[in-house]
Structure formats: structure tokens, C-alpha cells
C-alpha atoms as a PDB file:
ATOM      1  CA  UNK A   1     -11.555-111.792-119.655  1.00  0.00           C
ATOM      2  CA  UNK A   2     -15.115-112.487-120.133  1.00  0.00           C
ATOM      3  CA  UNK A   3     -17.249-109.266-120.751  1.00  0.00           C
ATOM      4  CA  UNK A   4     -20.338-108.488-118.580  1.00  0.00           C
ATOM      5  CA  UNK A   5     -23.382-106.999-119.633  1.00  0.00           C
ATOM      6  CA  UNK A   6     -23.949-103.538-118.133  1.00  0.00           C
ATOM      7  CA  UNK A   7     -26.476-104.353-115.762  1.00  0.00           C
ATOM      8  CA  UNK A   8     -24.305-106.970-114.062  1.00  0.00           C
ATOM      9  CA  UNK A   9     -21.141-104.960-114.417  1.00  0.00           C
ATOM     10  CA  UNK A  10     -22.852-102.111-112.805  1.00  0.00           C
ATOM     11  CA  UNK A  11     -24.774-103.675-110.121  1.00  0.00           C
ATOM     12  CA  UNK A  12     -24.483-101.889-106.792  1.00  0.00           C
ATOM     13  CA  UNK A  13     -21.894-103.213-104.318  1.00  0.00           C
ATOM     14  CA  UNK A  14     -22.963-101.351-101.330  1.00  0.00           C
ATOM     15  CA  UNK A  15     -25.969 -99.706 -99.914  1.00  0.00           C
ATOM     16  CA  UNK A  16     -24.796 -96.211-100.916  1.00  0.00           C
ATOM     17  CA  UNK A  17     -24.707 -97.223-104.585  1.00  0.00           C
ATOM     18  CA  UNK A  18     -28.284 -98.435-104.682  1.00  0.00           C
ATOM     19  CA  UNK A  19     -30.210 -95.693-106.727  1.00  0.00           C
ATOM     20  CA  UNK A  20     -33.244 -93.889-105.635  1.00  0.00           C
ATOM     21  CA  UNK A  21     -34.164 -96.171-102.666  1.00  0.00           C
ATOM     22  CA  UNK A  22     -33.091 -94.006 -99.703  1.00  0.00           C
ATOM     23  CA  UNK A  23     -35.818 -95.136 -97.656  1.00  0.00           C
ATOM     24  CA  UNK A  24     -34.676 -98.791 -97.816  1.00  0.00           C
ATOM     25  CA  UNK A  25     -30.956 -98.244 -97.486  1.00  0.00           C
ATOM     26  CA  UNK A  26     -31.024 -95.771 -94.812  1.00  0.00           C
ATOM     27  CA  UNK A  27     -33.542 -98.321 -92.481  1.00  0.00           C
ATOM     28  CA  UNK A  28     -30.951-101.086 -93.198  1.00  0.00           C
ATOM     29  CA  UNK A  29     -28.071 -99.317 -92.601  1.00  0.00           C
ATOM     30  CA  UNK A  30     -29.522 -98.246 -89.079  1.00  0.00           C
ATOM     31  CA  UNK A  31     -30.513-101.831 -88.600  1.00  0.00           C
ATOM     32  CA  UNK A  32     -26.870-102.896 -89.531  1.00  0.00           C
ATOM     33  CA  UNK A  33     -25.343-100.302 -87.216  1.00  0.00           C
ATOM     34  CA  UNK A  34     -27.657-101.078 -84.290  1.00  0.00           C
ATOM     35  CA  UNK A  35     -27.587-104.816 -84.800  1.00  0.00           C
ATOM     36  CA  UNK A  36     -31.179-105.233 -85.265  1.00  0.00           C
ATOM     37  CA  UNK A  37     -31.300-106.934 -88.310  1.00  0.00           C
ATOM     38  CA  UNK A  38     -34.553-109.122 -88.830  1.00  0.00           C
ATOM     39  CA  UNK A  39     -34.865-112.893 -89.348  1.00  0.00           C
ATOM     40  CA  UNK A  40     -36.928-112.238 -92.663  1.00  0.00           C
ATOM     41  CA  UNK A  41     -37.464-109.334 -95.116  1.00  0.00           C
ATOM     42  CA  UNK A  42     -39.858-108.673 -98.022  1.00  0.00           C
ATOM     43  CA  UNK A  43     -38.578-106.769-100.922  1.00  0.00           C
ATOM     44  CA  UNK A  44     -41.439-105.511-103.050  1.00  0.00           C
ATOM     45  CA  UNK A  45     -41.317-103.482-106.278  1.00  0.00           C
ATOM     46  CA  UNK A  46     -41.053-103.113-110.093  1.00  0.00           C
ATOM     47  CA  UNK A  47     -38.698-104.882-112.062  1.00  0.00           C
ATOM     48  CA  UNK A  48     -35.182-103.408-112.194  1.00  0.00           C
ATOM     49  CA  UNK A  49     -35.161-101.374-109.071  1.00  0.00           C
ATOM     50  CA  UNK A  50     -32.607-103.134-107.005  1.00  0.00           C
ATOM     51  CA  UNK A  51     -34.418-105.881-104.860  1.00  0.00           C
ATOM     52  CA  UNK A  52     -32.024-108.690-105.494  1.00  0.00           C
ATOM     53  CA  UNK A  53     -28.956-106.490-105.375  1.00  0.00           C
ATOM     54  CA  UNK A  54     -30.077-105.191-102.100  1.00  0.00           C
ATOM     55  CA  UNK A  55     -30.642-108.683-100.847  1.00  0.00           C
ATOM     56  CA  UNK A  56     -26.981-109.615-101.844  1.00  0.00           C
ATOM     57  CA  UNK A  57     -25.449-106.278-100.391  1.00  0.00           C
ATOM     58  CA  UNK A  58     -27.287-107.181 -96.949  1.00  0.00           C
ATOM     59  CA  UNK A  59     -25.932-110.558 -97.088  1.00  0.00           C
ATOM     60  CA  UNK A  60     -22.382-109.421 -97.320  1.00  0.00           C
ATOM     61  CA  UNK A  61     -22.981-106.539 -94.931  1.00  0.00           C
ATOM     62  CA  UNK A  62     -24.084-109.344 -91.956  1.00  0.00           C
ATOM     63  CA  UNK A  63     -21.105-111.633 -92.981  1.00  0.00           C
ATOM     64  CA  UNK A  64     -18.461-109.034 -93.486  1.00  0.00           C
ATOM     65  CA  UNK A  65     -15.280-110.134 -92.020  1.00  0.00           C
ATOM     66  CA  UNK A  66     -13.696-106.412 -91.489  1.00  0.00           C
ATOM     67  CA  UNK A  67     -16.938-104.481 -90.290  1.00  0.00           C
ATOM     68  CA  UNK A  68     -20.087-106.396 -89.512  1.00  0.00           C
ATOM     69  CA  UNK A  69     -22.100-103.495 -88.665  1.00  0.00           C
ATOM     70  CA  UNK A  70     -22.659-101.420 -91.728  1.00  0.00           C
ATOM     71  CA  UNK A  71     -21.663-101.255 -95.294  1.00  0.00           C
ATOM     72  CA  UNK A  72     -19.684-104.401 -96.497  1.00  0.00           C
ATOM     73  CA  UNK A  73     -15.949-103.685 -97.150  1.00  0.00           C
ATOM     74  CA  UNK A  74     -16.291-105.620-100.394  1.00  0.00           C
ATOM     75  CA  UNK A  75     -12.407-106.754-100.208  1.00  0.00           C
ATOM     76  CA  UNK A  76     -12.599-109.368 -97.540  1.00  0.00           C
ATOM     77  CA  UNK A  77     -12.641-113.173 -98.493  1.00  0.00           C
ATOM     78  CA  UNK A  78     -16.415-113.232 -97.328  1.00  0.00           C
ATOM     79  CA  UNK A  79     -17.706-110.241 -99.516  1.00  0.00           C
ATOM     80  CA  UNK A  80     -15.785-111.265-102.257  1.00  0.00           C
ATOM     81  CA  UNK A  81     -17.131-114.846-102.436  1.00  0.00           C
ATOM     82  CA  UNK A  82     -20.824-113.404-102.156  1.00  0.00           C
ATOM     83  CA  UNK A  83     -19.803-111.008-104.750  1.00  0.00           C
ATOM     84  CA  UNK A  84     -18.595-113.745-107.199  1.00  0.00           C
ATOM     85  CA  UNK A  85     -21.632-116.009-106.408  1.00  0.00           C
ATOM     86  CA  UNK A  86     -19.238-118.673-104.542  1.00  0.00           C
ATOM     87  CA  UNK A  87     -20.301-118.403-100.859  1.00  0.00           C
ATOM     88  CA  UNK A  88     -21.827-121.575-100.044  1.00  0.00           C
ATOM     89  CA  UNK A  89     -23.928-119.787 -97.341  1.00  0.00           C
ATOM     90  CA  UNK A  90     -25.943-117.408 -99.518  1.00  0.00           C
ATOM     91  CA  UNK A  91     -28.500-119.449-101.311  1.00  0.00           C
ATOM     92  CA  UNK A  92     -30.346-117.646-104.116  1.00  0.00           C
ATOM     93  CA  UNK A  93     -33.617-119.495-105.018  1.00  0.00           C
ATOM     94  CA  UNK A  94     -35.748-118.943-108.010  1.00  0.00           C
ATOM     95  CA  UNK A  95     -39.451-119.355-106.864  1.00  0.00           C
ATOM     96  CA  UNK A  96     -40.404-119.530-110.421  1.00  0.00           C
ATOM     97  CA  UNK A  97     -38.510-122.692-110.941  1.00  0.00           C
ATOM     98  CA  UNK A  98     -38.799-124.350-107.412  1.00  0.00           C
ATOM     99  CA  UNK A  99     -42.624-123.821-106.846  1.00  0.00           C
ATOM    100  CA  UNK A 100     -43.592-127.055-105.263  1.00  0.00           C
ATOM    101  CA  UNK A 101     -44.032-128.033-101.786  1.00  0.00           C
ATOM    102  CA  UNK A 102     -40.914-130.400-102.108  1.00  0.00           C
ATOM    103  CA  UNK A 103     -38.710-127.977-102.810  1.00  0.00           C
ATOM    104  CA  UNK A 104     -39.533-126.005 -99.582  1.00  0.00           C
ATOM    105  CA  UNK A 105     -39.344-129.152 -97.739  1.00  0.00           C
ATOM    106  CA  UNK A 106     -36.019-129.683 -99.038  1.00  0.00           C
ATOM    107  CA  UNK A 107     -35.124-126.191 -97.928  1.00  0.00           C
ATOM    108  CA  UNK A 108     -36.568-126.704 -94.453  1.00  0.00           C
ATOM    109  CA  UNK A 109     -34.240-129.527 -93.987  1.00  0.00           C
ATOM    110  CA  UNK A 110     -31.042-127.524 -95.051  1.00  0.00           C
ATOM    111  CA  UNK A 111     -32.110-124.474 -92.828  1.00  0.00           C
ATOM    112  CA  UNK A 112     -31.290-126.715 -89.765  1.00  0.00           C
ATOM    113  CA  UNK A 113     -27.469-127.038 -90.863  1.00  0.00           C
ATOM    114  CA  UNK A 114     -25.118-124.486 -89.244  1.00  0.00           C
ATOM    115  CA  UNK A 115     -23.226-122.139 -91.682  1.00  0.00           C
ATOM    116  CA  UNK A 116     -20.210-123.624 -93.559  1.00  0.00           C
ATOM    117  CA  UNK A 117     -17.886-120.394 -93.235  1.00  0.00           C
ATOM    118  CA  UNK A 118     -20.171-117.223 -92.737  1.00  0.00           C
ATOM    119  CA  UNK A 119     -21.808-116.017 -89.609  1.00  0.00           C
ATOM    120  CA  UNK A 120     -25.356-116.104 -91.220  1.00  0.00           C
ATOM    121  CA  UNK A 121     -26.979-118.259 -93.919  1.00  0.00           C
ATOM    122  CA  UNK A 122     -28.871-115.999 -96.091  1.00  0.00           C
ATOM    123  CA  UNK A 123     -31.715-117.267 -98.277  1.00  0.00           C
ATOM    124  CA  UNK A 124     -32.713-114.908-101.073  1.00  0.00           C
ATOM    125  CA  UNK A 125     -35.857-116.384-102.450  1.00  0.00           C
ATOM    126  CA  UNK A 126     -36.870-114.327-105.960  1.00  0.00           C
ATOM    127  CA  UNK A 127     -40.478-114.046-107.389  1.00  0.00           C
ATOM    128  CA  UNK A 128     -41.672-115.392-103.935  1.00  0.00           C
ATOM    129  CA  UNK A 129     -45.293-115.031-105.311  1.00  0.00           C
ATOM    130  CA  UNK A 130     -44.785-117.743-107.693  1.00  0.00           C
ATOM    131  CA  UNK A 131     -44.668-120.456-104.951  1.00  0.00           C
ATOM    132  CA  UNK A 132     -47.844-122.798-104.536  1.00  0.00           C
ATOM    133  CA  UNK A 133     -49.940-122.306-102.010  1.00  0.00           C
ATOM    134  CA  UNK A 134     -49.078-125.739-100.411  1.00  0.00           C
ATOM    135  CA  UNK A 135     -45.372-124.197-100.819  1.00  0.00           C
ATOM    136  CA  UNK A 136     -45.794-121.320 -99.157  1.00  0.00           C
ATOM    137  CA  UNK A 137     -47.501-122.771 -96.026  1.00  0.00           C
ATOM    138  CA  UNK A 138     -44.840-125.078 -95.838  1.00  0.00           C
ATOM    139  CA  UNK A 139     -42.417-122.340 -95.470  1.00  0.00           C
ATOM    140  CA  UNK A 140     -44.400-120.379 -92.609  1.00  0.00           C
ATOM    141  CA  UNK A 141     -43.201-122.105 -89.608  1.00  0.00           C
ATOM    142  CA  UNK A 142     -39.654-121.894 -90.614  1.00  0.00           C
ATOM    143  CA  UNK A 143     -39.935-118.263 -91.569  1.00  0.00           C
ATOM    144  CA  UNK A 144     -41.533-117.286 -88.385  1.00  0.00           C
ATOM    145  CA  UNK A 145     -38.999-119.001 -86.093  1.00  0.00           C
ATOM    146  CA  UNK A 146     -36.045-119.746 -88.185  1.00  0.00           C
ATOM    147  CA  UNK A 147     -32.499-120.837 -86.232  1.00  0.00           C
ATOM    148  CA  UNK A 148     -30.730-117.601 -85.290  1.00  0.00           C
ATOM    149  CA  UNK A 149     -27.972-118.070 -87.934  1.00  0.00           C
ATOM    150  CA  UNK A 150     -30.498-117.745 -90.679  1.00  0.00           C
ATOM    151  CA  UNK A 151     -32.061-114.639 -92.816  1.00  0.00           C
ATOM    152  CA  UNK A 152     -34.599-114.946 -95.592  1.00  0.00           C
ATOM    153  CA  UNK A 153     -34.778-112.205 -97.886  1.00  0.00           C
ATOM    154  CA  UNK A 154     -37.901-112.654-100.018  1.00  0.00           C
ATOM    155  CA  UNK A 155     -38.211-110.462-103.412  1.00  0.00           C
ATOM    156  CA  UNK A 156     -41.266-110.170-105.534  1.00  0.00           C
ATOM    157  CA  UNK A 157     -42.830-107.851-108.171  1.00  0.00           C
ATOM    158  CA  UNK A 158     -46.207-108.720-107.242  1.00  0.00           C
ATOM    159  CA  UNK A 159     -46.759-108.118-103.729  1.00  0.00           C
ATOM    160  CA  UNK A 160     -50.476-108.820-103.824  1.00  0.00           C
ATOM    161  CA  UNK A 161     -49.874-112.333-104.893  1.00  0.00           C
ATOM    162  CA  UNK A 162     -47.866-113.157-101.497  1.00  0.00           C
ATOM    163  CA  UNK A 163     -49.882-114.845 -99.037  1.00  0.00           C
ATOM    164  CA  UNK A 164     -50.746-112.669 -96.141  1.00  0.00           C
ATOM    165  CA  UNK A 165     -49.537-114.829 -93.555  1.00  0.00           C
ATOM    166  CA  UNK A 166     -46.100-114.621 -95.159  1.00  0.00           C
ATOM    167  CA  UNK A 167     -45.880-110.985 -95.372  1.00  0.00           C
ATOM    168  CA  UNK A 168     -46.870-110.403 -91.863  1.00  0.00           C
ATOM    169  CA  UNK A 169     -43.867-112.497 -90.681  1.00  0.00           C
ATOM    170  CA  UNK A 170     -41.470-110.363 -92.620  1.00  0.00           C
ATOM    171  CA  UNK A 171     -40.125-106.733 -92.745  1.00  0.00           C
ATOM    172  CA  UNK A 172     -41.749-105.159 -95.791  1.00  0.00           C
ATOM    173  CA  UNK A 173     -39.599-102.753 -98.136  1.00  0.00           C
ATOM    174  CA  UNK A 174     -41.282-101.244-101.074  1.00  0.00           C
ATOM    175  CA  UNK A 175     -39.000-100.360-103.884  1.00  0.00           C
ATOM    176  CA  UNK A 176     -39.873 -97.426-105.975  1.00  0.00           C
ATOM    177  CA  UNK A 177     -39.692 -96.855-109.720  1.00  0.00           C
ATOM    178  CA  UNK A 178     -36.582 -94.595-110.217  1.00  0.00           C
ATOM    179  CA  UNK A 179     -37.245 -90.930-111.154  1.00  0.00           C
ATOM    180  CA  UNK A 180     -36.072 -90.059-114.601  1.00  0.00           C
ATOM    181  CA  UNK A 181     -33.310 -87.735-112.987  1.00  0.00           C
ATOM    182  CA  UNK A 182     -31.868 -90.591-110.815  1.00  0.00           C
ATOM    183  CA  UNK A 183     -31.961 -92.695-114.146  1.00  0.00           C
ATOM    184  CA  UNK A 184     -29.933 -89.908-116.217  1.00  0.00           C
ATOM    185  CA  UNK A 185     -27.429 -89.570-113.580  1.00  0.00           C
ATOM    186  CA  UNK A 186     -26.506 -93.172-113.400  1.00  0.00           C
ATOM    187  CA  UNK A 187     -26.538 -93.360-117.168  1.00  0.00           C
ATOM    188  CA  UNK A 188     -24.354 -90.664-117.400  1.00  0.00           C
ATOM    189  CA  UNK A 189     -21.866 -92.146-115.005  1.00  0.00           C
ATOM    190  CA  UNK A 190     -21.797 -95.541-116.882  1.00  0.00           C
ATOM    191  CA  UNK A 191     -21.350 -93.673-120.132  1.00  0.00           C
ATOM    192  CA  UNK A 192     -18.362 -91.611-118.783  1.00  0.00           C
ATOM    193  CA  UNK A 193     -16.655 -94.504-117.469  1.00  0.00           C
ATOM    194  CA  UNK A 194     -17.051 -96.760-120.496  1.00  0.00           C
ATOM    195  CA  UNK A 195     -15.799 -94.019-122.906  1.00  0.00           C
ATOM    196  CA  UNK A 196     -19.587 -93.497-124.328  1.00  0.00           C
ATOM    197  CA  UNK A 197     -20.222 -89.865-125.356  1.00  0.00           C
ATOM    198  CA  UNK A 198     -23.944 -89.351-125.433  1.00  0.00           C
ATOM    199  CA  UNK A 199     -25.873 -86.373-125.797  1.00  0.00           C
ATOM    200  CA  UNK A 200     -28.087 -85.035-122.869  1.00  0.00           C
ATOM    201  CA  UNK A 201     -31.341 -85.209-125.021  1.00  0.00           C
ATOM    202  CA  UNK A 202     -30.543 -88.889-125.883  1.00  0.00           C
ATOM    203  CA  UNK A 203     -29.976 -90.098-122.246  1.00  0.00           C
ATOM    204  CA  UNK A 204     -33.065 -88.192-121.098  1.00  0.00           C
ATOM    205  CA  UNK A 205     -35.179 -90.270-123.626  1.00  0.00           C
ATOM    206  CA  UNK A 206     -33.223 -93.684-122.576  1.00  0.00           C
ATOM    207  CA  UNK A 207     -34.543 -92.573-119.052  1.00  0.00           C
ATOM    208  CA  UNK A 208     -38.114 -91.888-120.061  1.00  0.00           C
ATOM    209  CA  UNK A 209     -38.290 -95.186-122.137  1.00  0.00           C
ATOM    210  CA  UNK A 210     -36.971 -97.303-118.952  1.00  0.00           C
ATOM    211  CA  UNK A 211     -40.067 -96.223-117.055  1.00  0.00           C
ATOM    212  CA  UNK A 212     -38.523 -96.454-113.662  1.00  0.00           C
ATOM    213  CA  UNK A 213     -36.373 -99.485-114.189  1.00  0.00           C
ATOM    214  CA  UNK A 214     -32.345 -99.217-114.084  1.00  0.00           C
ATOM    215  CA  UNK A 215     -31.807-102.327-115.665  1.00  0.00           C
ATOM    216  CA  UNK A 216     -33.878-101.650-118.433  1.00  0.00           C
ATOM    217  CA  UNK A 217     -31.952 -98.417-119.377  1.00  0.00           C
ATOM    218  CA  UNK A 218     -28.759-100.250-118.834  1.00  0.00           C
ATOM    219  CA  UNK A 219     -29.829-102.634-121.479  1.00  0.00           C
ATOM    220  CA  UNK A 220     -31.088-100.091-123.710  1.00  0.00           C
ATOM    221  CA  UNK A 221     -27.726 -98.011-123.353  1.00  0.00           C
ATOM    222  CA  UNK A 222     -25.688-101.125-123.958  1.00  0.00           C
ATOM    223  CA  UNK A 223     -27.917-102.004-127.168  1.00  0.00           C
ATOM    224  CA  UNK A 224     -27.119 -98.460-128.518  1.00  0.00           C
ATOM    225  CA  UNK A 225     -23.789 -98.707-127.767  1.00  0.00           C
ATOM    226  CA  UNK A 226     -22.970-102.011-129.569  1.00  0.00           C
ATOM    227  CA  UNK A 227     -24.929-100.879-132.721  1.00  0.00           C
ATOM    228  CA  UNK A 228     -23.647 -97.248-133.007  1.00  0.00           C
ATOM    229  CA  UNK A 229     -20.455 -97.337-131.048  1.00  0.00           C
ATOM    230  CA  UNK A 230     -19.218 -94.787-128.490  1.00  0.00           C
ATOM    231  CA  UNK A 231     -20.977 -91.685-129.977  1.00  0.00           C
ATOM    232  CA  UNK A 232     -24.704 -91.690-129.275  1.00  0.00           C
ATOM    233  CA  UNK A 233     -27.305 -88.896-130.127  1.00  0.00           C
ATOM    234  CA  UNK A 234     -30.932 -88.649-130.027  1.00  0.00           C
ATOM    235  CA  UNK A 235     -31.734 -89.275-133.624  1.00  0.00           C
ATOM    236  CA  UNK A 236     -30.076 -92.842-132.964  1.00  0.00           C
ATOM    237  CA  UNK A 237     -32.113 -93.389-129.551  1.00  0.00           C
ATOM    238  CA  UNK A 238     -35.415 -92.497-131.603  1.00  0.00           C
ATOM    239  CA  UNK A 239     -34.423 -95.132-134.187  1.00  0.00           C
ATOM    240  CA  UNK A 240     -33.958 -97.923-132.013  1.00  0.00           C
ATOM    241  CA  UNK A 241     -37.161 -97.070-130.014  1.00  0.00           C
ATOM    242  CA  UNK A 242     -39.240 -96.527-133.091  1.00  0.00           C
ATOM    243  CA  UNK A 243     -40.483 -93.216-131.970  1.00  0.00           C
ATOM    244  CA  UNK A 244     -40.696 -90.165-134.350  1.00  0.00           C
ATOM    245  CA  UNK A 245     -38.411 -87.102-133.967  1.00  0.00           C
ATOM    246  CA  UNK A 246     -40.849 -84.870-136.324  1.00  0.00           C
ATOM    247  CA  UNK A 247     -41.331 -81.513-134.875  1.00  0.00           C
ATOM    248  CA  UNK A 248     -44.503 -80.991-136.843  1.00  0.00           C
ATOM    249  CA  UNK A 249     -46.082 -83.766-134.560  1.00  0.00           C
ATOM    250  CA  UNK A 250     -45.707 -81.195-131.792  1.00  0.00           C
ATOM    251  CA  UNK A 251     -47.103 -78.469-133.901  1.00  0.00           C
ATOM    252  CA  UNK A 252     -49.989 -80.305-134.644  1.00  0.00           C
ATOM    253  CA  UNK A 253     -50.882 -81.201-131.110  1.00  0.00           C
ATOM    254  CA  UNK A 254     -50.410 -77.519-130.214  1.00  0.00           C
ATOM    255  CA  UNK A 255     -53.181 -76.436-132.832  1.00  0.00           C
ATOM    256  CA  UNK A 256     -55.602 -79.174-131.768  1.00  0.00           C
ATOM    257  CA  UNK A 257     -55.210 -77.794-127.949  1.00  0.00           C
ATOM    258  CA  UNK A 258     -55.699 -74.199-128.853  1.00  0.00           C
ATOM    259  CA  UNK A 259     -58.736 -75.479-131.120  1.00  0.00           C
ATOM    260  CA  UNK A 260     -56.935 -74.010-134.338  1.00  0.00           C
END
């Protein structure tokens, strides 16, 4: 069996598993249950906060054969195909590699074809701010009035670079940096399942260094696990991060604050 990196192995598979973005997941759940799913979404926020994962979950939810009005079941053939990246009707596009107007024109032509198997064709365009101005303008009309079986999910880490005309045609959701508490809980859950013993102080330092990005925290945890094995302590995390654990630094700072 091929080994998967932690951030892929532990990618959320339903909205309840998306960490720290309750304002997004609750709204999407309400939209799904009330059959009010929009034709276009704009997911903005820092790296590693769950934008693309949420897009994939939404694609599963609208096409789920067992439910279709809430969380995906993750067991029907359609959910499994999307999870494995084999679904023909869920198309992921990296806008950083497909920036030109010709790429968008090709997309516009394919949009008019009905879905192969799913109920909806879902286009997930990552780093949409990287599209050229001409490519963004070419996307406008399709984004405003797509066929009824098409949903666009645009993701970006730099919302201010997205054309206002693009943003105005989408429902916008701002993903937040994860709190240290949420990061620690998730890292501890991963550690417990993976058989890793990690000191509480060590997991807190990993969470702090991740600066709100779950993917960064998961990558660091895996790096520590690979290097040190299943027992991870604070000094090992400090060594990997290159930070000092010398208590005299705190003493010195205390004296400086006290003008001593």
C-alpha cells in the first residue's frame, strides 16, 4: 500500500471534520439541506485552512447518491470516485499553471457539455487570483450565467487580487487562520491514531509555529515522526525549529521589563 503524507491522509472528508471554519461549514450545510446551493463560490483565506478540501466536500455533497441534501455519505460510488480523484465531473484546475485566456476559452466550451455521471459538474479553480486579466474577463459571462448543472468553486490566498467583477458573481467565504487550541486538538488526534506519543508542550509549540495553517502543522508533525520516531518531546521540536529552550532568556527578558 502506498504511504500517504499526513496532510493528505487526514484531509477532512465531510464538513464536520473541517477544523475551525464553523461559520463556513454551517452556512454550506444549511444551503445543502434547503436546496439553496449557489452556482459560484469564492473561498478566500491563508494557506492550509481548508479551502480546497471544503470545495471537494461540497462537490461530494451535491452529487451524493445516498443523501444529496447534507453531508456526503462517503460510501456511495460517486463519493468514493470524488475522494479518489477519479470523478470525471469534478474538475480541479490550477490557475497558477493555466493562466491564459485560451485555457479559460477551452473551459467555457467544455462547460456546455452535460455531466457524464454526476448530477452536477463542479469546477474547482485553485489560486484563481493568478488568472490574467483577459482570462478573468473571459470567465465572467460563464460565471454569471452557467448551465444549471455547473457549480464553480474558486479558491484564493490573495482575495484582493481577484477582479471585483469576478468576486461580485460569487458567494464569498473567508477562511480564518486556525486557533492554537484547534490545531493542538487536531494534532493530538492524529498522533493518537498514528501511535505517536507527544508531550503537550511539544504539540503546543508545533501549533504555534504553524501560525494557523493546519497543513503546516501536519507536515511538521510528520517530519518529527520520521526523524525521531513515535516519541516526540519539546526539545526535539525546538531542535527542528531552531528555537532555544534556554530558560535564561526568559529571566533576562523579565529583568529588562523590570528595568533591573
